[in-house]
């Protein structure tokens, strides 16, 4: 059995397979990065496991290039089907984070939901959303992610940052790549409404200059101290920042799996979020934080205060039991073995 994951080898999603000789994860150089199905056939892979669909569909350029790339992606999938190479896809979410052309994103996803041999999702709500929004022919399995603290401590990408953690607390943090859907300006406004939190940390590289400007403008509206670290955060830095925080604030407005919530649970740091999406499911299902009554800054600020006041009331054991990297790995190998057996 030879399985290729179409992601870099240091990506968190394939880290549990790092010691497996049967699973290879890598990006390809041009031209193979665009004609990857031919590469797979030449290398004799039995299974191709696709991950982040938007990286296959979109160019940072003219929309015509994205249309061309979508057609090329579908041709690659068809070539794999014609050569009886099994296709597995992890559907991380139902829409792309920053899809340039929403229709292309949906066409790409629907293609895989019909032609893939198996679909993985990382949380039950994603499965429910997929089944309600798309026509799905492939079987769907849930493979819960494992302990993110262990992952970051083992991976250690990027070296140690110079710590910019606030010297006094309680500290509310928003950590990770700063993208528009994470609603960092709303988080700053909510922090301003908190009666208990005294400092805020915003750590992560802004996706573009416009979102960086929006964050800086929001900071000017509060009289309370906000510390920023607008750069790539290393694995050691992520663990340090989440571990030291009193509350991790996650306000994603997309149905994405919030990796920071997994790290926060592993570090025993409460999570505060607004209603909706997988973040609400994780908090309510596992009692790892507080969901605000609404998306208003005042209600989110009140949720921050509640989490800081009841920090000893949260339960972490069930989350630990349901999120093990060994289980994640074994679930994948069960599917891989079944696909090979039925070839």
C-alpha atoms as a PDB file:
ATOM      1  CA  UNK A   1       0.000   0.000   0.000  1.00  0.00           C
ATOM      2  CA  UNK A   2       1.327   3.422  -1.033  1.00  0.00           C
ATOM      3  CA  UNK A   3      -0.609   6.541   0.011  1.00  0.00           C
ATOM      4  CA  UNK A   4       0.226  10.092  -1.046  1.00  0.00           C
ATOM      5  CA  UNK A   5      -1.079  13.097   0.880  1.00  0.00           C
ATOM      6  CA  UNK A   6      -1.052  16.223  -1.271  1.00  0.00           C
ATOM      7  CA  UNK A   7       0.266  18.528   1.469  1.00  0.00           C
ATOM      8  CA  UNK A   8       3.718  19.452   2.838  1.00  0.00           C
ATOM      9  CA  UNK A   9       5.199  16.853   5.182  1.00  0.00           C
ATOM     10  CA  UNK A  10       5.215  19.276   8.136  1.00  0.00           C
ATOM     11  CA  UNK A  11       1.463  19.937   7.938  1.00  0.00           C
ATOM     12  CA  UNK A  12      -0.367  19.089  11.161  1.00  0.00           C
ATOM     13  CA  UNK A  13      -2.922  16.952   9.360  1.00  0.00           C
ATOM     14  CA  UNK A  14      -0.285  14.358   8.360  1.00  0.00           C
ATOM     15  CA  UNK A  15       1.979  14.596  11.401  1.00  0.00           C
ATOM     16  CA  UNK A  16       0.634  11.329  12.908  1.00  0.00           C
ATOM     17  CA  UNK A  17       1.901   9.473   9.800  1.00  0.00           C
ATOM     18  CA  UNK A  18       5.456  10.802  10.044  1.00  0.00           C
ATOM     19  CA  UNK A  19       6.913   7.388  10.918  1.00  0.00           C
ATOM     20  CA  UNK A  20       4.891   5.394   8.394  1.00  0.00           C
ATOM     21  CA  UNK A  21       6.682   4.113   5.299  1.00  0.00           C
ATOM     22  CA  UNK A  22       3.339   3.547   3.590  1.00  0.00           C
ATOM     23  CA  UNK A  23       2.217   7.195   3.740  1.00  0.00           C
ATOM     24  CA  UNK A  24       4.100   9.978   1.971  1.00  0.00           C
ATOM     25  CA  UNK A  25       3.213  13.668   2.270  1.00  0.00           C
ATOM     26  CA  UNK A  26       4.783  16.302   0.038  1.00  0.00           C
ATOM     27  CA  UNK A  27       4.123  19.170  -2.319  1.00  0.00           C
ATOM     28  CA  UNK A  28       5.323  18.875  -5.898  1.00  0.00           C
ATOM     29  CA  UNK A  29       7.369  21.325  -7.981  1.00  0.00           C
ATOM     30  CA  UNK A  30       6.151  22.588 -11.319  1.00  0.00           C
ATOM     31  CA  UNK A  31       4.968  21.114 -13.641  1.00  0.00           C
ATOM     32  CA  UNK A  32       3.971  18.139 -11.458  1.00  0.00           C
ATOM     33  CA  UNK A  33       2.131  20.402  -9.001  1.00  0.00           C
ATOM     34  CA  UNK A  34      -0.461  20.983 -11.754  1.00  0.00           C
ATOM     35  CA  UNK A  35      -0.330  17.520 -13.357  1.00  0.00           C
ATOM     36  CA  UNK A  36      -0.186  15.606 -10.098  1.00  0.00           C
ATOM     37  CA  UNK A  37      -2.346  12.702 -11.258  1.00  0.00           C
ATOM     38  CA  UNK A  38       0.335  11.712 -13.794  1.00  0.00           C
ATOM     39  CA  UNK A  39       2.946  11.900 -11.025  1.00  0.00           C
ATOM     40  CA  UNK A  40       0.806   9.571  -8.891  1.00  0.00           C
ATOM     41  CA  UNK A  41       0.418   7.027 -11.682  1.00  0.00           C
ATOM     42  CA  UNK A  42       4.167   7.108 -12.435  1.00  0.00           C
ATOM     43  CA  UNK A  43       5.016   6.587  -8.752  1.00  0.00           C
ATOM     44  CA  UNK A  44       2.532   3.760  -8.365  1.00  0.00           C
ATOM     45  CA  UNK A  45       0.449   5.222  -5.536  1.00  0.00           C
ATOM     46  CA  UNK A  46      -2.614   3.153  -4.683  1.00  0.00           C
ATOM     47  CA  UNK A  47      -4.358   6.006  -2.864  1.00  0.00           C
ATOM     48  CA  UNK A  48      -4.243   9.781  -3.260  1.00  0.00           C
ATOM     49  CA  UNK A  49      -5.442  11.685  -0.204  1.00  0.00           C
ATOM     50  CA  UNK A  50      -6.419  15.284  -0.991  1.00  0.00           C
ATOM     51  CA  UNK A  51      -6.676  17.933   1.697  1.00  0.00           C
ATOM     52  CA  UNK A  52      -7.116  21.682   1.147  1.00  0.00           C
ATOM     53  CA  UNK A  53      -9.213  22.089  -1.968  1.00  0.00           C
ATOM     54  CA  UNK A  54      -8.679  25.840  -2.415  1.00  0.00           C
ATOM     55  CA  UNK A  55      -4.948  25.289  -3.024  1.00  0.00           C
ATOM     56  CA  UNK A  56      -5.904  23.140  -6.018  1.00  0.00           C
ATOM     57  CA  UNK A  57      -8.425  25.548  -7.539  1.00  0.00           C
ATOM     58  CA  UNK A  58      -7.228  29.117  -7.218  1.00  0.00           C
ATOM     59  CA  UNK A  59      -4.349  31.232  -8.505  1.00  0.00           C
ATOM     60  CA  UNK A  60      -3.438  34.591  -7.004  1.00  0.00           C
ATOM     61  CA  UNK A  61      -4.113  36.321 -10.268  1.00  0.00           C
ATOM     62  CA  UNK A  62      -6.664  36.696 -13.052  1.00  0.00           C
ATOM     63  CA  UNK A  63      -9.929  34.763 -12.537  1.00  0.00           C
ATOM     64  CA  UNK A  64      -9.376  33.069 -15.921  1.00  0.00           C
ATOM     65  CA  UNK A  65      -6.381  31.296 -14.377  1.00  0.00           C
ATOM     66  CA  UNK A  66      -8.560  30.001 -11.552  1.00  0.00           C
ATOM     67  CA  UNK A  67     -11.111  28.682 -14.086  1.00  0.00           C
ATOM     68  CA  UNK A  68      -8.298  26.945 -15.971  1.00  0.00           C
ATOM     69  CA  UNK A  69      -6.962  25.456 -12.772  1.00  0.00           C
ATOM     70  CA  UNK A  70     -10.387  24.155 -11.767  1.00  0.00           C
ATOM     71  CA  UNK A  71     -10.743  22.395 -15.123  1.00  0.00           C
ATOM     72  CA  UNK A  72      -7.243  20.968 -14.701  1.00  0.00           C
ATOM     73  CA  UNK A  73      -8.110  19.755 -11.198  1.00  0.00           C
ATOM     74  CA  UNK A  74     -11.198  17.908 -12.456  1.00  0.00           C
ATOM     75  CA  UNK A  75      -9.117  16.329 -15.252  1.00  0.00           C
ATOM     76  CA  UNK A  76      -6.599  15.139 -12.651  1.00  0.00           C
ATOM     77  CA  UNK A  77      -9.396  13.522 -10.659  1.00  0.00           C
ATOM     78  CA  UNK A  78     -10.794  11.844 -13.782  1.00  0.00           C
ATOM     79  CA  UNK A  79      -7.326  10.459 -14.666  1.00  0.00           C
ATOM     80  CA  UNK A  80      -7.078   8.916 -11.199  1.00  0.00           C
ATOM     81  CA  UNK A  81     -10.508   7.318 -11.610  1.00  0.00           C
ATOM     82  CA  UNK A  82      -9.591   5.921 -15.044  1.00  0.00           C
ATOM     83  CA  UNK A  83      -6.388   4.397 -13.651  1.00  0.00           C
ATOM     84  CA  UNK A  84      -8.269   2.907 -10.665  1.00  0.00           C
ATOM     85  CA  UNK A  85      -6.289   4.980  -8.180  1.00  0.00           C
ATOM     86  CA  UNK A  86      -8.359   5.412  -5.036  1.00  0.00           C
ATOM     87  CA  UNK A  87      -9.238   8.994  -4.045  1.00  0.00           C
ATOM     88  CA  UNK A  88      -9.675  10.037  -0.427  1.00  0.00           C
ATOM     89  CA  UNK A  89     -10.495  13.599   0.594  1.00  0.00           C
ATOM     90  CA  UNK A  90     -10.558  15.310   3.960  1.00  0.00           C
ATOM     91  CA  UNK A  91     -13.337  17.900   3.681  1.00  0.00           C
ATOM     92  CA  UNK A  92     -12.088  20.409   6.241  1.00  0.00           C
ATOM     93  CA  UNK A  93     -15.055  22.707   5.648  1.00  0.00           C
ATOM     94  CA  UNK A  94     -17.892  23.228   3.198  1.00  0.00           C
ATOM     95  CA  UNK A  95     -16.580  26.451   1.628  1.00  0.00           C
ATOM     96  CA  UNK A  96     -13.107  27.866   1.041  1.00  0.00           C
ATOM     97  CA  UNK A  97     -11.725  30.420   3.468  1.00  0.00           C
ATOM     98  CA  UNK A  98     -11.074  33.062   0.832  1.00  0.00           C
ATOM     99  CA  UNK A  99     -12.622  31.607  -2.319  1.00  0.00           C
ATOM    100  CA  UNK A 100     -11.964  33.881  -5.267  1.00  0.00           C
ATOM    101  CA  UNK A 101     -14.933  32.497  -7.212  1.00  0.00           C
ATOM    102  CA  UNK A 102     -17.545  30.819  -5.030  1.00  0.00           C
ATOM    103  CA  UNK A 103     -19.049  28.840  -7.921  1.00  0.00           C
ATOM    104  CA  UNK A 104     -15.683  27.270  -8.765  1.00  0.00           C
ATOM    105  CA  UNK A 105     -15.175  26.322  -5.134  1.00  0.00           C
ATOM    106  CA  UNK A 106     -18.560  24.615  -5.060  1.00  0.00           C
ATOM    107  CA  UNK A 107     -17.961  22.814  -8.374  1.00  0.00           C
ATOM    108  CA  UNK A 108     -14.642  21.494  -7.095  1.00  0.00           C
ATOM    109  CA  UNK A 109     -16.202  20.230  -3.866  1.00  0.00           C
ATOM    110  CA  UNK A 110     -19.193  18.657  -5.579  1.00  0.00           C
ATOM    111  CA  UNK A 111     -16.828  16.863  -7.984  1.00  0.00           C
ATOM    112  CA  UNK A 112     -15.037  15.208  -5.100  1.00  0.00           C
ATOM    113  CA  UNK A 113     -18.208  14.402  -3.186  1.00  0.00           C
ATOM    114  CA  UNK A 114     -19.329  12.423  -6.241  1.00  0.00           C
ATOM    115  CA  UNK A 115     -16.047  10.914  -7.463  1.00  0.00           C
ATOM    116  CA  UNK A 116     -14.025  10.334  -4.288  1.00  0.00           C
ATOM    117  CA  UNK A 117     -13.891   6.816  -2.887  1.00  0.00           C
ATOM    118  CA  UNK A 118     -14.010   8.024   0.719  1.00  0.00           C
ATOM    119  CA  UNK A 119     -14.493  11.302   2.575  1.00  0.00           C
ATOM    120  CA  UNK A 120     -13.056  12.198   5.960  1.00  0.00           C
ATOM    121  CA  UNK A 121     -14.320  15.027   8.146  1.00  0.00           C
ATOM    122  CA  UNK A 122     -12.728  16.258  11.346  1.00  0.00           C
ATOM    123  CA  UNK A 123     -15.894  16.827  13.376  1.00  0.00           C
ATOM    124  CA  UNK A 124     -19.500  15.524  13.279  1.00  0.00           C
ATOM    125  CA  UNK A 125     -21.103  18.924  12.466  1.00  0.00           C
ATOM    126  CA  UNK A 126     -19.126  19.109   9.205  1.00  0.00           C
ATOM    127  CA  UNK A 127     -20.587  15.777   8.140  1.00  0.00           C
ATOM    128  CA  UNK A 128     -24.104  16.997   8.868  1.00  0.00           C
ATOM    129  CA  UNK A 129     -23.541  20.217   6.952  1.00  0.00           C
ATOM    130  CA  UNK A 130     -22.062  18.414   3.942  1.00  0.00           C
ATOM    131  CA  UNK A 131     -24.964  15.984   3.751  1.00  0.00           C
ATOM    132  CA  UNK A 132     -27.454  18.855   3.847  1.00  0.00           C
ATOM    133  CA  UNK A 133     -25.698  21.026   1.219  1.00  0.00           C
ATOM    134  CA  UNK A 134     -24.205  18.581  -1.303  1.00  0.00           C
ATOM    135  CA  UNK A 135     -24.986  15.414  -3.211  1.00  0.00           C
ATOM    136  CA  UNK A 136     -22.626  12.851  -1.679  1.00  0.00           C
ATOM    137  CA  UNK A 137     -21.964   9.368  -3.031  1.00  0.00           C
ATOM    138  CA  UNK A 138     -18.804   8.515  -1.099  1.00  0.00           C
ATOM    139  CA  UNK A 139     -18.879   7.088   2.437  1.00  0.00           C
ATOM    140  CA  UNK A 140     -18.034   9.677   5.121  1.00  0.00           C
ATOM    141  CA  UNK A 141     -15.989   8.948   8.245  1.00  0.00           C
ATOM    142  CA  UNK A 142     -15.252  11.206  11.192  1.00  0.00           C
ATOM    143  CA  UNK A 143     -11.598  11.292  12.254  1.00  0.00           C
ATOM    144  CA  UNK A 144     -11.243  13.538  15.301  1.00  0.00           C
ATOM    145  CA  UNK A 145      -7.966  15.426  15.630  1.00  0.00           C
ATOM    146  CA  UNK A 146      -5.680  14.616  18.557  1.00  0.00           C
ATOM    147  CA  UNK A 147      -3.802  16.520  21.267  1.00  0.00           C
ATOM    148  CA  UNK A 148      -2.444  19.681  19.680  1.00  0.00           C
ATOM    149  CA  UNK A 149      -0.003  20.384  22.490  1.00  0.00           C
ATOM    150  CA  UNK A 150       1.756  17.104  21.771  1.00  0.00           C
ATOM    151  CA  UNK A 151       1.751  17.899  18.053  1.00  0.00           C
ATOM    152  CA  UNK A 152       3.326  21.338  18.449  1.00  0.00           C
ATOM    153  CA  UNK A 153       5.882  20.160  21.003  1.00  0.00           C
ATOM    154  CA  UNK A 154       6.960  17.344  18.683  1.00  0.00           C
ATOM    155  CA  UNK A 155       6.917  19.384  15.488  1.00  0.00           C
ATOM    156  CA  UNK A 156       8.744  22.497  16.710  1.00  0.00           C
ATOM    157  CA  UNK A 157       8.543  24.523  13.499  1.00  0.00           C
ATOM    158  CA  UNK A 158      10.043  27.975  13.275  1.00  0.00           C
ATOM    159  CA  UNK A 159      12.145  28.191  16.438  1.00  0.00           C
ATOM    160  CA  UNK A 160      11.305  30.092  19.593  1.00  0.00           C
ATOM    161  CA  UNK A 161       9.920  33.636  19.239  1.00  0.00           C
ATOM    162  CA  UNK A 162      10.882  36.490  21.500  1.00  0.00           C
ATOM    163  CA  UNK A 163       7.975  36.387  23.906  1.00  0.00           C
ATOM    164  CA  UNK A 164       5.535  39.274  23.631  1.00  0.00           C
ATOM    165  CA  UNK A 165       3.091  37.965  26.191  1.00  0.00           C
ATOM    166  CA  UNK A 166       1.533  40.691  28.381  1.00  0.00           C
ATOM    167  CA  UNK A 167       3.134  41.019  31.786  1.00  0.00           C
ATOM    168  CA  UNK A 168      -0.172  41.368  33.679  1.00  0.00           C
ATOM    169  CA  UNK A 169      -3.526  39.629  33.419  1.00  0.00           C
ATOM    170  CA  UNK A 170      -6.138  38.277  33.108  1.00  0.00           C
ATOM    171  CA  UNK A 171      -5.211  37.998  29.423  1.00  0.00           C
ATOM    172  CA  UNK A 172      -7.588  37.266  26.541  1.00  0.00           C
ATOM    173  CA  UNK A 173      -5.832  35.968  23.410  1.00  0.00           C
ATOM    174  CA  UNK A 174      -6.645  35.572  19.730  1.00  0.00           C
ATOM    175  CA  UNK A 175      -3.882  33.442  18.230  1.00  0.00           C
ATOM    176  CA  UNK A 176      -3.120  32.172  14.732  1.00  0.00           C
ATOM    177  CA  UNK A 177      -3.029  33.421  11.143  1.00  0.00           C
ATOM    178  CA  UNK A 178      -5.169  36.580  11.084  1.00  0.00           C
ATOM    179  CA  UNK A 179      -7.860  36.197   8.451  1.00  0.00           C
ATOM    180  CA  UNK A 180     -11.042  38.191   7.944  1.00  0.00           C
ATOM    181  CA  UNK A 181     -13.401  35.359   8.897  1.00  0.00           C
ATOM    182  CA  UNK A 182     -11.814  35.179  12.357  1.00  0.00           C
ATOM    183  CA  UNK A 183     -13.322  38.600  13.203  1.00  0.00           C
ATOM    184  CA  UNK A 184     -10.405  39.926  15.250  1.00  0.00           C
ATOM    185  CA  UNK A 185     -11.781  43.507  15.329  1.00  0.00           C
ATOM    186  CA  UNK A 186     -14.964  42.162  16.952  1.00  0.00           C
ATOM    187  CA  UNK A 187     -12.788  40.380  19.498  1.00  0.00           C
ATOM    188  CA  UNK A 188     -11.059  43.635  20.378  1.00  0.00           C
ATOM    189  CA  UNK A 189     -14.403  45.350  20.885  1.00  0.00           C
ATOM    190  CA  UNK A 190     -15.596  42.455  23.062  1.00  0.00           C
ATOM    191  CA  UNK A 191     -12.423  42.684  25.155  1.00  0.00           C
ATOM    192  CA  UNK A 192     -13.170  46.372  25.663  1.00  0.00           C
ATOM    193  CA  UNK A 193     -16.588  45.392  27.101  1.00  0.00           C
ATOM    194  CA  UNK A 194     -15.097  42.881  29.533  1.00  0.00           C
ATOM    195  CA  UNK A 195     -15.078  43.969  33.172  1.00  0.00           C
ATOM    196  CA  UNK A 196     -12.518  41.357  34.228  1.00  0.00           C
ATOM    197  CA  UNK A 197      -9.926  40.996  31.453  1.00  0.00           C
ATOM    198  CA  UNK A 198      -7.199  43.605  31.714  1.00  0.00           C
ATOM    199  CA  UNK A 199      -4.938  42.715  28.762  1.00  0.00           C
ATOM    200  CA  UNK A 200      -5.304  41.264  25.290  1.00  0.00           C
ATOM    201  CA  UNK A 201      -2.841  39.445  23.021  1.00  0.00           C
ATOM    202  CA  UNK A 202      -3.279  39.232  19.240  1.00  0.00           C
ATOM    203  CA  UNK A 203      -0.612  36.949  17.814  1.00  0.00           C
ATOM    204  CA  UNK A 204      -0.367  35.803  14.217  1.00  0.00           C
ATOM    205  CA  UNK A 205       0.603  36.919  10.747  1.00  0.00           C
ATOM    206  CA  UNK A 206      -2.073  39.021   9.003  1.00  0.00           C
ATOM    207  CA  UNK A 207      -3.360  37.474   5.781  1.00  0.00           C
ATOM    208  CA  UNK A 208      -3.015  40.819   3.986  1.00  0.00           C
ATOM    209  CA  UNK A 209      -2.406  44.497   4.656  1.00  0.00           C
ATOM    210  CA  UNK A 210      -6.097  45.401   4.701  1.00  0.00           C
ATOM    211  CA  UNK A 211      -6.940  43.062   7.600  1.00  0.00           C
ATOM    212  CA  UNK A 212      -3.820  44.279   9.416  1.00  0.00           C
ATOM    213  CA  UNK A 213      -5.102  47.854   9.061  1.00  0.00           C
ATOM    214  CA  UNK A 214      -8.561  46.863  10.326  1.00  0.00           C
ATOM    215  CA  UNK A 215      -7.024  45.263  13.415  1.00  0.00           C
ATOM    216  CA  UNK A 216      -4.862  48.310  14.133  1.00  0.00           C
ATOM    217  CA  UNK A 217      -7.856  50.623  13.716  1.00  0.00           C
ATOM    218  CA  UNK A 218      -9.866  48.512  16.159  1.00  0.00           C
ATOM    219  CA  UNK A 219      -7.055  48.672  18.714  1.00  0.00           C
ATOM    220  CA  UNK A 220      -7.248  52.473  18.685  1.00  0.00           C
ATOM    221  CA  UNK A 221     -10.870  52.300  19.873  1.00  0.00           C
ATOM    222  CA  UNK A 222     -10.036  50.732  23.252  1.00  0.00           C
ATOM    223  CA  UNK A 223      -8.270  52.354  26.169  1.00  0.00           C
ATOM    224  CA  UNK A 224      -7.176  48.943  27.475  1.00  0.00           C
ATOM    225  CA  UNK A 225      -3.750  47.525  26.542  1.00  0.00           C
ATOM    226  CA  UNK A 226      -3.535  45.247  23.493  1.00  0.00           C
ATOM    227  CA  UNK A 227      -0.254  43.479  22.713  1.00  0.00           C
ATOM    228  CA  UNK A 228       0.322  42.382  19.112  1.00  0.00           C
ATOM    229  CA  UNK A 229       2.744  39.928  17.546  1.00  0.00           C
ATOM    230  CA  UNK A 230       1.889  40.263  13.824  1.00  0.00           C
ATOM    231  CA  UNK A 231       4.267  37.573  12.569  1.00  0.00           C
ATOM    232  CA  UNK A 232       4.368  33.841  11.976  1.00  0.00           C
ATOM    233  CA  UNK A 233       4.169  32.105  15.343  1.00  0.00           C
ATOM    234  CA  UNK A 234       6.369  29.050  15.844  1.00  0.00           C
ATOM    235  CA  UNK A 235       5.086  25.823  17.357  1.00  0.00           C
ATOM    236  CA  UNK A 236       6.813  26.640  20.642  1.00  0.00           C
ATOM    237  CA  UNK A 237       5.296  30.115  20.555  1.00  0.00           C
ATOM    238  CA  UNK A 238       1.773  28.797  20.002  1.00  0.00           C
ATOM    239  CA  UNK A 239       2.049  26.498  23.013  1.00  0.00           C
ATOM    240  CA  UNK A 240       3.549  29.265  25.151  1.00  0.00           C
ATOM    241  CA  UNK A 241       0.918  31.845  24.245  1.00  0.00           C
ATOM    242  CA  UNK A 242      -2.090  29.531  24.649  1.00  0.00           C
ATOM    243  CA  UNK A 243      -0.718  28.011  27.855  1.00  0.00           C
ATOM    244  CA  UNK A 244      -0.182  31.417  29.455  1.00  0.00           C
ATOM    245  CA  UNK A 245      -3.532  32.868  28.345  1.00  0.00           C
ATOM    246  CA  UNK A 246      -6.447  33.009  30.750  1.00  0.00           C
ATOM    247  CA  UNK A 247      -8.972  32.775  27.904  1.00  0.00           C
ATOM    248  CA  UNK A 248      -8.632  32.002  24.199  1.00  0.00           C
ATOM    249  CA  UNK A 249     -11.181  33.893  22.099  1.00  0.00           C
ATOM    250  CA  UNK A 250     -12.370  32.267  18.833  1.00  0.00           C
ATOM    251  CA  UNK A 251     -14.955  34.095  16.706  1.00  0.00           C
ATOM    252  CA  UNK A 252     -14.717  32.327  13.339  1.00  0.00           C
ATOM    253  CA  UNK A 253     -17.807  32.978  11.235  1.00  0.00           C
ATOM    254  CA  UNK A 254     -17.214  29.933   9.010  1.00  0.00           C
ATOM    255  CA  UNK A 255     -17.878  26.282   9.789  1.00  0.00           C
ATOM    256  CA  UNK A 256     -14.200  25.477  10.082  1.00  0.00           C
ATOM    257  CA  UNK A 257     -12.373  23.315  12.597  1.00  0.00           C
ATOM    258  CA  UNK A 258     -10.632  25.833  14.914  1.00  0.00           C
ATOM    259  CA  UNK A 259      -7.210  24.328  15.590  1.00  0.00           C
ATOM    260  CA  UNK A 260      -6.591  26.846  18.371  1.00  0.00           C
ATOM    261  CA  UNK A 261      -9.526  25.393  20.307  1.00  0.00           C
ATOM    262  CA  UNK A 262      -7.854  21.976  20.264  1.00  0.00           C
ATOM    263  CA  UNK A 263      -4.610  23.454  21.545  1.00  0.00           C
ATOM    264  CA  UNK A 264      -6.483  25.443  24.204  1.00  0.00           C
ATOM    265  CA  UNK A 265      -8.227  22.291  25.453  1.00  0.00           C
ATOM    266  CA  UNK A 266      -4.884  20.482  25.602  1.00  0.00           C
ATOM    267  CA  UNK A 267      -3.434  23.386  27.615  1.00  0.00           C
ATOM    268  CA  UNK A 268      -6.501  23.566  29.898  1.00  0.00           C
ATOM    269  CA  UNK A 269      -7.207  27.122  28.762  1.00  0.00           C
ATOM    270  CA  UNK A 270     -10.937  28.017  28.528  1.00  0.00           C
ATOM    271  CA  UNK A 271     -12.322  28.967  25.126  1.00  0.00           C
ATOM    272  CA  UNK A 272     -14.856  31.754  24.594  1.00  0.00           C
ATOM    273  CA  UNK A 273     -16.811  31.933  21.357  1.00  0.00           C
ATOM    274  CA  UNK A 274     -19.886  33.364  19.695  1.00  0.00           C
ATOM    275  CA  UNK A 275     -22.780  31.089  18.666  1.00  0.00           C
ATOM    276  CA  UNK A 276     -22.594  28.939  15.554  1.00  0.00           C
ATOM    277  CA  UNK A 277     -20.277  26.535  13.804  1.00  0.00           C
ATOM    278  CA  UNK A 278     -17.945  23.846  15.044  1.00  0.00           C
ATOM    279  CA  UNK A 279     -16.510  26.085  17.744  1.00  0.00           C
ATOM    280  CA  UNK A 280     -19.896  26.095  19.503  1.00  0.00           C
ATOM    281  CA  UNK A 281     -20.165  22.316  19.133  1.00  0.00           C
ATOM    282  CA  UNK A 282     -16.733  21.756  20.703  1.00  0.00           C
ATOM    283  CA  UNK A 283     -17.445  24.059  23.634  1.00  0.00           C
ATOM    284  CA  UNK A 284     -20.897  22.725  24.447  1.00  0.00           C
ATOM    285  CA  UNK A 285     -20.186  19.053  23.727  1.00  0.00           C
ATOM    286  CA  UNK A 286     -17.012  18.955  25.822  1.00  0.00           C
ATOM    287  CA  UNK A 287     -17.516  21.777  28.344  1.00  0.00           C
ATOM    288  CA  UNK A 288     -14.244  23.513  27.495  1.00  0.00           C
ATOM    289  CA  UNK A 289     -15.474  27.101  27.625  1.00  0.00           C
ATOM    290  CA  UNK A 290     -18.354  29.540  27.236  1.00  0.00           C
ATOM    291  CA  UNK A 291     -20.520  30.415  24.227  1.00  0.00           C
ATOM    292  CA  UNK A 292     -21.892  33.939  24.304  1.00  0.00           C
ATOM    293  CA  UNK A 293     -25.621  34.636  24.001  1.00  0.00           C
ATOM    294  CA  UNK A 294     -25.151  36.507  20.715  1.00  0.00           C
ATOM    295  CA  UNK A 295     -22.471  37.922  18.435  1.00  0.00           C
ATOM    296  CA  UNK A 296     -22.666  41.389  20.027  1.00  0.00           C
ATOM    297  CA  UNK A 297     -19.475  42.680  21.606  1.00  0.00           C
ATOM    298  CA  UNK A 298     -21.264  43.190  24.920  1.00  0.00           C
ATOM    299  CA  UNK A 299     -22.478  39.581  25.082  1.00  0.00           C
ATOM    300  CA  UNK A 300     -19.064  38.246  24.080  1.00  0.00           C
ATOM    301  CA  UNK A 301     -17.492  40.475  26.726  1.00  0.00           C
ATOM    302  CA  UNK A 302     -19.899  39.027  29.306  1.00  0.00           C
ATOM    303  CA  UNK A 303     -18.908  35.496  28.212  1.00  0.00           C
ATOM    304  CA  UNK A 304     -15.243  36.394  28.719  1.00  0.00           C
ATOM    305  CA  UNK A 305     -16.041  37.541  32.253  1.00  0.00           C
ATOM    306  CA  UNK A 306     -17.962  34.333  32.948  1.00  0.00           C
ATOM    307  CA  UNK A 307     -15.091  32.176  31.733  1.00  0.00           C
ATOM    308  CA  UNK A 308     -12.586  34.085  33.839  1.00  0.00           C
ATOM    309  CA  UNK A 309     -14.808  33.868  36.908  1.00  0.00           C
ATOM    310  CA  UNK A 310     -15.542  30.117  36.512  1.00  0.00           C
ATOM    311  CA  UNK A 311     -12.189  28.893  35.183  1.00  0.00           C
ATOM    312  CA  UNK A 312     -12.187  25.906  37.554  1.00  0.00           C
ATOM    313  CA  UNK A 313     -15.588  24.662  36.395  1.00  0.00           C
ATOM    314  CA  UNK A 314     -14.564  23.285  33.010  1.00  0.00           C
ATOM    315  CA  UNK A 315     -14.070  19.590  32.218  1.00  0.00           C
ATOM    316  CA  UNK A 316     -11.255  18.339  29.992  1.00  0.00           C
ATOM    317  CA  UNK A 317     -11.327  14.545  30.382  1.00  0.00           C
ATOM    318  CA  UNK A 318     -13.980  13.749  27.744  1.00  0.00           C
ATOM    319  CA  UNK A 319     -12.236  15.951  25.214  1.00  0.00           C
ATOM    320  CA  UNK A 320      -8.959  14.109  25.876  1.00  0.00           C
ATOM    321  CA  UNK A 321     -10.639  10.718  25.467  1.00  0.00           C
ATOM    322  CA  UNK A 322     -12.234  11.600  22.129  1.00  0.00           C
ATOM    323  CA  UNK A 323      -9.174  13.303  20.626  1.00  0.00           C
ATOM    324  CA  UNK A 324      -6.261  10.901  20.364  1.00  0.00           C
ATOM    325  CA  UNK A 325      -3.741  10.872  17.505  1.00  0.00           C
ATOM    326  CA  UNK A 326      -3.567   7.058  17.646  1.00  0.00           C
ATOM    327  CA  UNK A 327      -7.312   6.881  17.009  1.00  0.00           C
ATOM    328  CA  UNK A 328      -7.001   9.409  14.181  1.00  0.00           C
ATOM    329  CA  UNK A 329      -4.250   7.352  12.566  1.00  0.00           C
ATOM    330  CA  UNK A 330      -5.970   3.980  12.985  1.00  0.00           C
ATOM    331  CA  UNK A 331      -9.228   5.325  11.490  1.00  0.00           C
ATOM    332  CA  UNK A 332      -7.329   6.353   8.373  1.00  0.00           C
ATOM    333  CA  UNK A 333      -5.515   3.047   8.018  1.00  0.00           C
ATOM    334  CA  UNK A 334      -8.767   1.110   8.374  1.00  0.00           C
ATOM    335  CA  UNK A 335     -10.170   3.030   5.413  1.00  0.00           C
ATOM    336  CA  UNK A 336      -6.964   2.738   3.360  1.00  0.00           C
ATOM    337  CA  UNK A 337      -6.825  -1.028   3.934  1.00  0.00           C
ATOM    338  CA  UNK A 338     -10.485  -1.444   3.017  1.00  0.00           C
ATOM    339  CA  UNK A 339     -10.045   0.529  -0.214  1.00  0.00           C
ATOM    340  CA  UNK A 340      -7.054  -1.561  -1.259  1.00  0.00           C
ATOM    341  CA  UNK A 341      -8.852  -4.799  -0.407  1.00  0.00           C
ATOM    342  CA  UNK A 342     -11.810  -3.801  -2.583  1.00  0.00           C
ATOM    343  CA  UNK A 343      -9.788  -2.586  -5.562  1.00  0.00           C
END
